[in-house]
Amino acid sequence: MVIMRGKAGTYALPGEKPREWPRGALDEAAALDFARLRGYEPKVIDVAGWSAVNSQQMQKALKEIRADDDVFALYGFSAGGYTIYNILQVLKPKEKDRLALVVVLGAPPDPTPFKDDYRGPWELIYRLNPPAGHMAGPRVLLERPFGPD
């Protein structure tokens, strides 16, 4: 599972004080636990997310996807969810056919009309920000890691 971080900045995990996330915000422990729970080997793209096409995160993720035929899942938190959108636009049909799971957490904040752009033959988990806040998304996903949105 290729995991993409959110934007760089100052954010607080639930119950913690705000801190800087220079490589992009992500509750990494929760994201890694989710990947393993679902049976995937996690690979975190260690650069901040950015919604622009051909961002550094997008380029690194595509390189990872294309270098490893065992990449069957994508996970994007916050701006990493936008990166997934951009990746899905450029993947070749053969690469899309390998995907079994796409996870988008907290991006975009209003799913209309974007959610349909993430759909495909893969399982889609598309979640908006939970009541506990944006940074709580990965932990809340662990509470319900299977089933429809």
Protein backbone atom coordinates (compact mmCIF):
# COMPACT_ATOMS: atom_id res chain seq x y z
CA MET A 1 0.00 0.00 0.00
CA VAL A 2 1.40 3.36 -1.04
CA ILE A 3 0.54 5.92 1.66
CA MET A 4 0.56 9.64 0.92
CA ARG A 5 0.83 12.34 3.57
CA GLY A 6 -1.05 15.61 3.82
CA LYS A 7 0.35 19.12 3.56
CA ALA A 8 3.25 20.40 5.60
CA GLY A 9 2.29 22.73 8.43
CA THR A 10 1.36 22.89 12.09
CA TYR A 11 -1.30 20.40 13.17
CA ALA A 12 -2.28 18.48 16.31
CA LEU A 13 -3.10 14.80 16.55
CA PRO A 14 -6.10 14.09 18.79
CA GLY A 15 -5.17 14.72 22.41
CA GLU A 16 -1.77 16.20 21.55
CA LYS A 17 -0.35 19.70 21.20
CA PRO A 18 0.15 21.18 17.72
CA ARG A 19 3.51 20.47 16.13
CA GLU A 20 5.26 21.02 12.83
CA TRP A 21 4.91 18.44 10.08
CA PRO A 22 7.61 19.45 7.56
CA ARG A 23 7.28 16.17 5.59
CA GLY A 24 3.48 16.32 5.60
CA ALA A 25 0.84 15.65 8.21
CA LEU A 26 -0.18 12.07 8.87
CA ASP A 27 -0.93 9.91 11.88
CA GLU A 28 1.64 7.49 10.54
CA ALA A 29 1.12 4.82 13.20
CA ALA A 30 -2.61 4.64 12.40
CA ALA A 31 -1.95 4.55 8.65
CA LEU A 32 0.62 1.76 9.03
CA ASP A 33 -1.71 -0.20 11.33
CA PHE A 34 -4.53 0.13 8.79
CA ALA A 35 -2.35 -1.13 5.94
CA ARG A 36 -1.20 -4.15 7.92
CA LEU A 37 -4.72 -4.86 9.21
CA ARG A 38 -5.94 -4.97 5.60
CA GLY A 39 -3.06 -7.29 4.62
CA TYR A 40 -0.79 -4.81 2.85
CA GLU A 41 2.86 -3.93 3.27
CA PRO A 42 2.87 -0.16 3.84
CA LYS A 43 5.17 2.25 2.01
CA VAL A 44 4.89 5.89 3.13
CA ILE A 45 5.86 8.47 0.53
CA ASP A 46 7.99 10.67 2.73
CA VAL A 47 7.22 14.07 1.22
CA ALA A 48 4.41 16.51 1.91
CA GLY A 49 1.24 16.32 -0.13
CA TRP A 50 0.30 18.98 -2.60
CA SER A 51 -2.80 19.06 -4.77
CA ALA A 52 -0.96 20.06 -7.94
CA VAL A 53 -0.46 17.66 -10.84
CA ASN A 54 3.14 16.40 -11.04
CA SER A 55 3.92 17.36 -7.45
CA GLN A 56 6.95 15.74 -5.87
CA GLN A 57 4.62 13.42 -3.94
CA MET A 58 2.83 12.38 -7.12
CA GLN A 59 6.10 11.71 -8.94
CA LYS A 60 7.48 9.60 -6.07
CA ALA A 61 4.23 7.66 -5.71
CA LEU A 62 4.05 6.92 -9.43
CA LYS A 63 7.64 5.76 -9.37
CA GLU A 64 6.80 3.39 -6.50
CA ILE A 65 3.66 2.09 -8.23
CA ARG A 66 5.47 1.48 -11.48
CA ALA A 67 8.52 -0.12 -9.86
CA ASP A 68 6.58 -2.71 -7.88
CA ASP A 69 3.87 -4.90 -9.39
CA ASP A 70 2.81 -5.81 -5.85
CA VAL A 71 1.35 -2.33 -5.19
CA PHE A 72 -2.35 -3.09 -4.92
CA ALA A 73 -3.59 -0.23 -2.74
CA LEU A 74 -3.37 3.55 -2.37
CA TYR A 75 -4.00 5.56 0.81
CA GLY A 76 -4.16 9.34 0.79
CA PHE A 77 -4.69 11.57 3.79
CA SER A 78 -5.68 15.20 3.25
CA ALA A 79 -3.59 16.58 0.35
CA GLY A 80 -2.46 13.00 -0.25
CA GLY A 81 -6.07 12.32 -1.27
CA TYR A 82 -5.74 14.93 -3.99
CA THR A 83 -2.53 13.22 -5.08
CA ILE A 84 -4.49 10.00 -5.50
CA TYR A 85 -6.98 11.84 -7.71
CA ASN A 86 -4.11 13.04 -9.92
CA ILE A 87 -2.53 9.59 -9.99
CA LEU A 88 -5.78 7.93 -11.08
CA GLN A 89 -5.94 10.33 -14.03
CA VAL A 90 -2.56 9.16 -15.39
CA LEU A 91 -2.40 5.47 -14.50
CA LYS A 92 -2.45 3.15 -17.48
CA PRO A 93 -5.35 0.66 -17.63
CA LYS A 94 -2.99 -2.20 -16.73
CA GLU A 95 -1.84 -0.28 -13.64
CA LYS A 96 -5.41 0.51 -12.59
CA ASP A 97 -6.35 -3.15 -12.98
CA ARG A 98 -3.85 -4.02 -10.23
CA LEU A 99 -5.57 -1.79 -7.67
CA ALA A 100 -7.75 -3.55 -5.11
CA LEU A 101 -8.23 -0.70 -2.62
CA VAL A 102 -8.20 3.11 -2.73
CA VAL A 103 -8.49 5.05 0.56
CA VAL A 104 -9.12 8.81 0.61
CA LEU A 105 -9.39 10.55 4.00
CA GLY A 106 -10.34 14.18 4.51
CA ALA A 107 -9.93 15.37 0.92
CA PRO A 108 -11.61 17.04 -0.72
CA PRO A 109 -13.75 18.37 2.12
CA ASP A 110 -16.88 18.45 -0.07
CA PRO A 111 -17.09 15.19 -2.01
CA THR A 112 -19.49 16.46 -4.63
CA PRO A 113 -18.69 15.84 -7.48
CA PHE A 114 -15.22 14.45 -6.75
CA LYS A 115 -16.12 11.14 -5.12
CA ASP A 116 -17.16 9.58 -8.42
CA ASP A 117 -13.74 10.46 -9.86
CA TYR A 118 -12.17 8.05 -7.33
CA ARG A 119 -14.41 5.13 -8.24
CA GLY A 120 -13.17 2.14 -10.19
CA PRO A 121 -13.16 -1.64 -10.04
CA TRP A 122 -11.35 -1.36 -6.68
CA GLU A 123 -12.84 -1.06 -3.21
CA LEU A 124 -13.16 2.63 -2.35
CA ILE A 125 -13.04 3.95 1.20
CA TYR A 126 -13.78 7.67 1.00
CA ARG A 127 -14.22 9.41 4.32
CA LEU A 128 -14.72 13.07 5.20
CA ASN A 129 -13.32 14.56 8.38
CA PRO A 130 -14.73 12.86 11.48
CA PRO A 131 -16.31 14.86 14.34
CA ALA A 132 -13.00 14.59 16.24
CA GLY A 133 -11.32 16.66 13.52
CA HIS A 134 -9.23 16.38 10.40
CA MET A 135 -6.16 14.80 11.99
CA ALA A 136 -8.33 12.11 13.62
CA GLY A 137 -9.25 10.61 10.24
CA PRO A 138 -6.64 7.83 10.21
CA ARG A 139 -7.49 6.73 13.77
CA VAL A 140 -11.22 6.77 13.11
CA LEU A 141 -10.64 4.64 10.01
CA LEU A 142 -9.12 1.96 12.24
CA GLU A 143 -12.43 1.78 14.13
CA ARG A 144 -14.23 0.80 10.90
CA PRO A 145 -11.59 -0.49 8.46
CA PHE A 146 -13.96 -2.58 6.33
CA GLY A 147 -17.26 -2.06 4.63
CA PRO A 148 -18.91 0.77 2.76
CA ASP A 149 -18.49 4.42 3.65
